[in-house]
Amino acid sequence: MTCLPTLSLRAVAIGLIVVTATWWLWSLYRRGVDPSDLIVGADGKASWSKITAIGAFLVISWAVIVAAVSGHLSDGLLLGYAAVYSGTPVAFQVVNAWSSRSNVQQGGQQ
């Protein structure tokens, strides 16, 4: 018999997600990042893609939390959430690099 509680993998994963998100927001705050930078593009206007990404993150996070609390969180849903959460920044970097490369190539042909 042990006095330590048994932790499920789901509880650990959700805890890590919450801790990571909190740490990320705190580090932005400490560096003096203006919260409007999260939704304003390089042109100074609200960026539809940034607002959509933040909204999707909040909605998907809420769905995962509700599924976890109700006991219906499948491993596939949790893995899909983790893939979207970690893959989105990578996808943005790949698209930006590809776009920059194609702009340079088009500029050289003219």
N, C-alpha and C. Protein backbone atom coordinates (compact mmCIF):
# COMPACT_ATOMS: atom_id res chain seq x y z
N MET A 1 0.85 -1.19 0.00
CA MET A 1 0.00 0.00 0.00
C MET A 1 0.89 1.24 0.00
N THR A 2 0.51 2.19 -0.81
CA THR A 2 1.29 3.40 -0.94
C THR A 2 0.40 4.62 -0.67
N CYS A 3 1.03 5.69 -0.24
CA CYS A 3 0.26 6.90 0.04
C CYS A 3 0.24 7.85 -1.15
N LEU A 4 0.97 7.51 -2.21
CA LEU A 4 0.97 8.35 -3.40
C LEU A 4 -0.25 8.06 -4.26
N PRO A 5 -0.90 9.10 -4.78
CA PRO A 5 -2.06 8.86 -5.64
C PRO A 5 -1.60 8.32 -7.00
N THR A 6 -2.46 7.56 -7.63
CA THR A 6 -2.18 7.05 -8.96
C THR A 6 -2.61 8.11 -9.97
N LEU A 7 -1.68 8.49 -10.81
CA LEU A 7 -1.97 9.49 -11.84
C LEU A 7 -2.12 8.80 -13.19
N SER A 8 -3.15 9.19 -13.89
CA SER A 8 -3.33 8.64 -15.23
C SER A 8 -2.50 9.46 -16.22
N LEU A 9 -2.23 8.87 -17.35
CA LEU A 9 -1.47 9.56 -18.39
C LEU A 9 -2.23 10.78 -18.89
N ARG A 10 -3.53 10.69 -18.92
CA ARG A 10 -4.35 11.83 -19.37
C ARG A 10 -4.22 13.01 -18.43
N ALA A 11 -4.26 12.74 -17.14
CA ALA A 11 -4.14 13.82 -16.16
C ALA A 11 -2.78 14.48 -16.26
N VAL A 12 -1.74 13.70 -16.46
CA VAL A 12 -0.39 14.24 -16.60
C VAL A 12 -0.30 15.09 -17.87
N ALA A 13 -0.86 14.60 -18.98
CA ALA A 13 -0.81 15.35 -20.24
C ALA A 13 -1.56 16.67 -20.13
N ILE A 14 -2.73 16.64 -19.55
CA ILE A 14 -3.51 17.88 -19.40
C ILE A 14 -2.79 18.84 -18.47
N GLY A 15 -2.22 18.33 -17.41
CA GLY A 15 -1.44 19.18 -16.51
C GLY A 15 -0.26 19.82 -17.20
N LEU A 16 0.44 19.06 -18.04
CA LEU A 16 1.57 19.61 -18.78
C LEU A 16 1.13 20.68 -19.77
N ILE A 17 -0.02 20.49 -20.40
CA ILE A 17 -0.54 21.49 -21.32
C ILE A 17 -0.85 22.79 -20.58
N VAL A 18 -1.48 22.69 -19.43
CA VAL A 18 -1.83 23.88 -18.65
C VAL A 18 -0.57 24.58 -18.16
N VAL A 19 0.39 23.82 -17.66
CA VAL A 19 1.64 24.41 -17.17
C VAL A 19 2.42 25.08 -18.31
N THR A 20 2.48 24.42 -19.46
CA THR A 20 3.20 24.98 -20.61
C THR A 20 2.55 26.27 -21.08
N ALA A 21 1.23 26.29 -21.20
CA ALA A 21 0.52 27.50 -21.64
C ALA A 21 0.73 28.64 -20.64
N THR A 22 0.65 28.33 -19.36
CA THR A 22 0.84 29.35 -18.33
C THR A 22 2.27 29.89 -18.37
N TRP A 23 3.24 28.99 -18.49
CA TRP A 23 4.63 29.42 -18.56
C TRP A 23 4.87 30.29 -19.79
N TRP A 24 4.31 29.92 -20.92
CA TRP A 24 4.48 30.68 -22.16
C TRP A 24 3.92 32.09 -22.01
N LEU A 25 2.70 32.20 -21.47
CA LEU A 25 2.09 33.52 -21.29
C LEU A 25 2.90 34.37 -20.29
N TRP A 26 3.37 33.75 -19.22
CA TRP A 26 4.16 34.48 -18.22
C TRP A 26 5.48 34.97 -18.83
N SER A 27 6.12 34.13 -19.66
CA SER A 27 7.39 34.55 -20.26
C SER A 27 7.17 35.71 -21.23
N LEU A 28 6.05 35.71 -21.95
CA LEU A 28 5.73 36.85 -22.82
C LEU A 28 5.53 38.11 -21.99
N TYR A 29 4.83 37.99 -20.88
CA TYR A 29 4.57 39.14 -20.02
C TYR A 29 5.88 39.70 -19.46
N ARG A 30 6.78 38.82 -19.03
CA ARG A 30 8.06 39.26 -18.46
C ARG A 30 8.93 39.96 -19.49
N ARG A 31 8.85 39.55 -20.74
CA ARG A 31 9.65 40.18 -21.80
C ARG A 31 9.05 41.48 -22.28
N GLY A 32 7.89 41.83 -21.79
CA GLY A 32 7.26 43.09 -22.18
C GLY A 32 6.55 43.05 -23.51
N VAL A 33 6.10 41.88 -23.92
CA VAL A 33 5.39 41.75 -25.19
C VAL A 33 4.00 42.35 -25.04
N ASP A 34 3.65 43.21 -25.95
CA ASP A 34 2.32 43.82 -25.95
C ASP A 34 1.30 42.77 -26.39
N PRO A 35 0.24 42.55 -25.61
CA PRO A 35 -0.75 41.53 -26.00
C PRO A 35 -1.37 41.76 -27.37
N SER A 36 -1.41 43.01 -27.83
CA SER A 36 -1.98 43.26 -29.15
C SER A 36 -1.10 42.67 -30.25
N ASP A 37 0.18 42.40 -29.95
CA ASP A 37 1.06 41.77 -30.94
C ASP A 37 0.59 40.37 -31.30
N LEU A 38 -0.19 39.76 -30.42
CA LEU A 38 -0.70 38.42 -30.69
C LEU A 38 -1.75 38.41 -31.79
N ILE A 39 -2.39 39.56 -32.05
CA ILE A 39 -3.45 39.59 -33.06
C ILE A 39 -3.22 40.62 -34.17
N VAL A 40 -2.18 41.44 -34.06
CA VAL A 40 -1.92 42.48 -35.06
C VAL A 40 -0.80 42.02 -35.98
N GLY A 41 -1.01 42.15 -37.27
CA GLY A 41 -0.02 41.75 -38.26
C GLY A 41 1.05 42.81 -38.47
N ALA A 42 1.93 42.55 -39.41
CA ALA A 42 3.04 43.47 -39.70
C ALA A 42 2.55 44.80 -40.25
N ASP A 43 1.36 44.81 -40.86
CA ASP A 43 0.84 46.05 -41.43
C ASP A 43 0.10 46.91 -40.41
N GLY A 44 0.04 46.48 -39.15
CA GLY A 44 -0.62 47.26 -38.10
C GLY A 44 -2.11 47.03 -37.99
N LYS A 45 -2.64 46.12 -38.81
CA LYS A 45 -4.07 45.81 -38.79
C LYS A 45 -4.27 44.45 -38.14
N ALA A 46 -5.49 44.21 -37.69
CA ALA A 46 -5.81 42.91 -37.09
C ALA A 46 -5.59 41.81 -38.13
N SER A 47 -4.91 40.76 -37.72
CA SER A 47 -4.59 39.66 -38.62
C SER A 47 -5.63 38.56 -38.46
N TRP A 48 -6.32 38.27 -39.55
CA TRP A 48 -7.37 37.24 -39.53
C TRP A 48 -6.77 35.89 -39.17
N SER A 49 -5.61 35.57 -39.69
CA SER A 49 -5.01 34.26 -39.41
C SER A 49 -4.61 34.13 -37.95
N LYS A 50 -4.11 35.21 -37.35
CA LYS A 50 -3.73 35.15 -35.93
C LYS A 50 -4.97 35.00 -35.05
N ILE A 51 -6.02 35.76 -35.35
CA ILE A 51 -7.24 35.67 -34.56
C ILE A 51 -7.86 34.29 -34.70
N THR A 52 -7.87 33.74 -35.90
CA THR A 52 -8.41 32.41 -36.13
C THR A 52 -7.61 31.36 -35.38
N ALA A 53 -6.29 31.47 -35.40
CA ALA A 53 -5.45 30.50 -34.70
C ALA A 53 -5.69 30.53 -33.19
N ILE A 54 -5.81 31.72 -32.62
CA ILE A 54 -6.06 31.82 -31.18
C ILE A 54 -7.46 31.29 -30.85
N GLY A 55 -8.45 31.63 -31.67
CA GLY A 55 -9.80 31.13 -31.44
C GLY A 55 -9.88 29.62 -31.54
N ALA A 56 -9.21 29.06 -32.54
CA ALA A 56 -9.20 27.60 -32.70
C ALA A 56 -8.51 26.94 -31.52
N PHE A 57 -7.42 27.53 -31.06
CA PHE A 57 -6.73 26.99 -29.88
C PHE A 57 -7.64 26.96 -28.66
N LEU A 58 -8.37 28.05 -28.44
CA LEU A 58 -9.26 28.12 -27.28
C LEU A 58 -10.41 27.12 -27.39
N VAL A 59 -11.00 27.01 -28.57
CA VAL A 59 -12.13 26.09 -28.75
C VAL A 59 -11.68 24.64 -28.60
N ILE A 60 -10.57 24.28 -29.24
CA ILE A 60 -10.07 22.91 -29.15
C ILE A 60 -9.64 22.59 -27.73
N SER A 61 -8.99 23.54 -27.06
CA SER A 61 -8.59 23.32 -25.67
C SER A 61 -9.81 23.09 -24.78
N TRP A 62 -10.85 23.88 -25.00
CA TRP A 62 -12.07 23.70 -24.22
C TRP A 62 -12.68 22.32 -24.47
N ALA A 63 -12.70 21.89 -25.71
CA ALA A 63 -13.24 20.57 -26.03
C ALA A 63 -12.44 19.45 -25.36
N VAL A 64 -11.13 19.58 -25.34
CA VAL A 64 -10.29 18.57 -24.70
C VAL A 64 -10.53 18.56 -23.19
N ILE A 65 -10.64 19.73 -22.59
CA ILE A 65 -10.88 19.80 -21.14
C ILE A 65 -12.24 19.20 -20.79
N VAL A 66 -13.27 19.53 -21.56
CA VAL A 66 -14.60 18.98 -21.30
C VAL A 66 -14.60 17.46 -21.47
N ALA A 67 -13.94 16.97 -22.51
CA ALA A 67 -13.86 15.52 -22.73
C ALA A 67 -13.10 14.85 -21.59
N ALA A 68 -12.05 15.49 -21.09
CA ALA A 68 -11.28 14.91 -19.99
C ALA A 68 -12.09 14.88 -18.70
N VAL A 69 -12.80 15.95 -18.42
CA VAL A 69 -13.59 16.00 -17.18
C VAL A 69 -14.73 15.00 -17.22
N SER A 70 -15.34 14.83 -18.39
CA SER A 70 -16.46 13.89 -18.50
C SER A 70 -15.99 12.44 -18.64
N GLY A 71 -14.70 12.22 -18.79
CA GLY A 71 -14.16 10.87 -18.90
C GLY A 71 -14.23 10.29 -20.29
N HIS A 72 -14.43 11.12 -21.30
CA HIS A 72 -14.54 10.65 -22.68
C HIS A 72 -13.34 11.06 -23.54
N LEU A 73 -12.23 11.38 -22.92
CA LEU A 73 -11.06 11.80 -23.66
C LEU A 73 -10.33 10.56 -24.18
N SER A 74 -10.39 10.36 -25.48
CA SER A 74 -9.72 9.22 -26.08
C SER A 74 -8.25 9.56 -26.34
N ASP A 75 -7.46 8.54 -26.49
CA ASP A 75 -6.05 8.77 -26.79
C ASP A 75 -5.88 9.44 -28.14
N GLY A 76 -6.74 9.11 -29.09
CA GLY A 76 -6.67 9.72 -30.41
C GLY A 76 -6.94 11.21 -30.36
N LEU A 77 -7.93 11.63 -29.57
CA LEU A 77 -8.24 13.05 -29.43
C LEU A 77 -7.08 13.79 -28.77
N LEU A 78 -6.51 13.20 -27.75
CA LEU A 78 -5.39 13.83 -27.06
C LEU A 78 -4.17 13.92 -27.97
N LEU A 79 -3.88 12.88 -28.72
CA LEU A 79 -2.75 12.91 -29.64
C LEU A 79 -3.00 13.90 -30.79
N GLY A 80 -4.23 13.96 -31.29
CA GLY A 80 -4.57 14.93 -32.32
C GLY A 80 -4.41 16.36 -31.82
N TYR A 81 -4.85 16.61 -30.59
CA TYR A 81 -4.70 17.93 -29.99
C TYR A 81 -3.23 18.28 -29.86
N ALA A 82 -2.43 17.34 -29.39
CA ALA A 82 -1.00 17.59 -29.23
C ALA A 82 -0.34 17.86 -30.58
N ALA A 83 -0.76 17.13 -31.61
CA ALA A 83 -0.19 17.33 -32.95
C ALA A 83 -0.54 18.71 -33.49
N VAL A 84 -1.79 19.13 -33.32
CA VAL A 84 -2.20 20.46 -33.79
C VAL A 84 -1.49 21.54 -32.98
N TYR A 85 -1.42 21.36 -31.68
CA TYR A 85 -0.81 22.35 -30.79
C TYR A 85 0.67 22.53 -31.10
N SER A 86 1.38 21.43 -31.32
CA SER A 86 2.81 21.54 -31.59
C SER A 86 3.11 21.74 -33.07
N GLY A 87 2.22 21.33 -33.95
CA GLY A 87 2.47 21.44 -35.37
C GLY A 87 2.13 22.79 -35.98
N THR A 88 1.27 23.56 -35.36
CA THR A 88 0.86 24.84 -35.91
C THR A 88 2.02 25.82 -36.06
N PRO A 89 2.86 26.02 -35.03
CA PRO A 89 3.98 26.94 -35.23
C PRO A 89 4.95 26.46 -36.33
N VAL A 90 5.15 25.18 -36.40
CA VAL A 90 6.03 24.63 -37.44
C VAL A 90 5.42 24.88 -38.81
N ALA A 91 4.12 24.67 -38.94
CA ALA A 91 3.45 24.89 -40.22
C ALA A 91 3.54 26.36 -40.65
N PHE A 92 3.36 27.29 -39.71
CA PHE A 92 3.48 28.71 -40.03
C PHE A 92 4.89 29.04 -40.52
N GLN A 93 5.91 28.47 -39.89
CA GLN A 93 7.29 28.74 -40.30
C GLN A 93 7.56 28.17 -41.69
N VAL A 94 7.04 26.97 -41.96
CA VAL A 94 7.24 26.35 -43.27
C VAL A 94 6.56 27.19 -44.35
N VAL A 95 5.33 27.61 -44.11
CA VAL A 95 4.59 28.42 -45.09
C VAL A 95 5.30 29.75 -45.31
N ASN A 96 5.75 30.39 -44.24
CA ASN A 96 6.46 31.67 -44.39
C ASN A 96 7.76 31.50 -45.17
N ALA A 97 8.50 30.44 -44.89
CA ALA A 97 9.75 30.20 -45.61
C ALA A 97 9.47 29.92 -47.09
N TRP A 98 8.46 29.13 -47.36
CA TRP A 98 8.11 28.81 -48.74
C TRP A 98 7.65 30.07 -49.48
N SER A 99 6.85 30.89 -48.80
CA SER A 99 6.36 32.13 -49.40
C SER A 99 7.52 33.08 -49.68
N SER A 100 8.43 33.22 -48.74
CA SER A 100 9.59 34.10 -48.93
C SER A 100 10.45 33.63 -50.08
N ARG A 101 10.65 32.32 -50.18
CA ARG A 101 11.47 31.77 -51.26
C ARG A 101 10.82 32.00 -52.61
N SER A 102 9.49 31.82 -52.68
CA SER A 102 8.81 32.02 -53.96
C SER A 102 8.79 33.50 -54.34
N ASN A 103 8.72 34.40 -53.36
CA ASN A 103 8.77 35.84 -53.65
C ASN A 103 10.15 36.23 -54.18
N VAL A 104 11.21 35.65 -53.63
CA VAL A 104 12.57 35.95 -54.08
C VAL A 104 12.74 35.43 -55.51
N GLN A 105 12.24 34.23 -55.80
CA GLN A 105 12.37 33.67 -57.13
C GLN A 105 11.60 34.50 -58.15
N GLN A 106 10.42 34.97 -57.79
CA GLN A 106 9.63 35.79 -58.71
C GLN A 106 10.32 37.13 -58.96
N GLY A 107 10.93 37.67 -57.91
CA GLY A 107 11.63 38.96 -58.05
C GLY A 107 12.84 38.84 -58.96
N GLY A 108 13.51 37.68 -58.94
CA GLY A 108 14.69 37.48 -59.79
C GLY A 108 14.33 37.27 -61.25
N GLN A 109 13.12 36.82 -61.56
CA GLN A 109 12.74 36.55 -62.93
C GLN A 109 12.27 37.79 -63.66
N GLN A 110 11.87 38.80 -62.97
CA GLN A 110 11.32 39.99 -63.62
C GLN A 110 12.36 40.90 -64.16
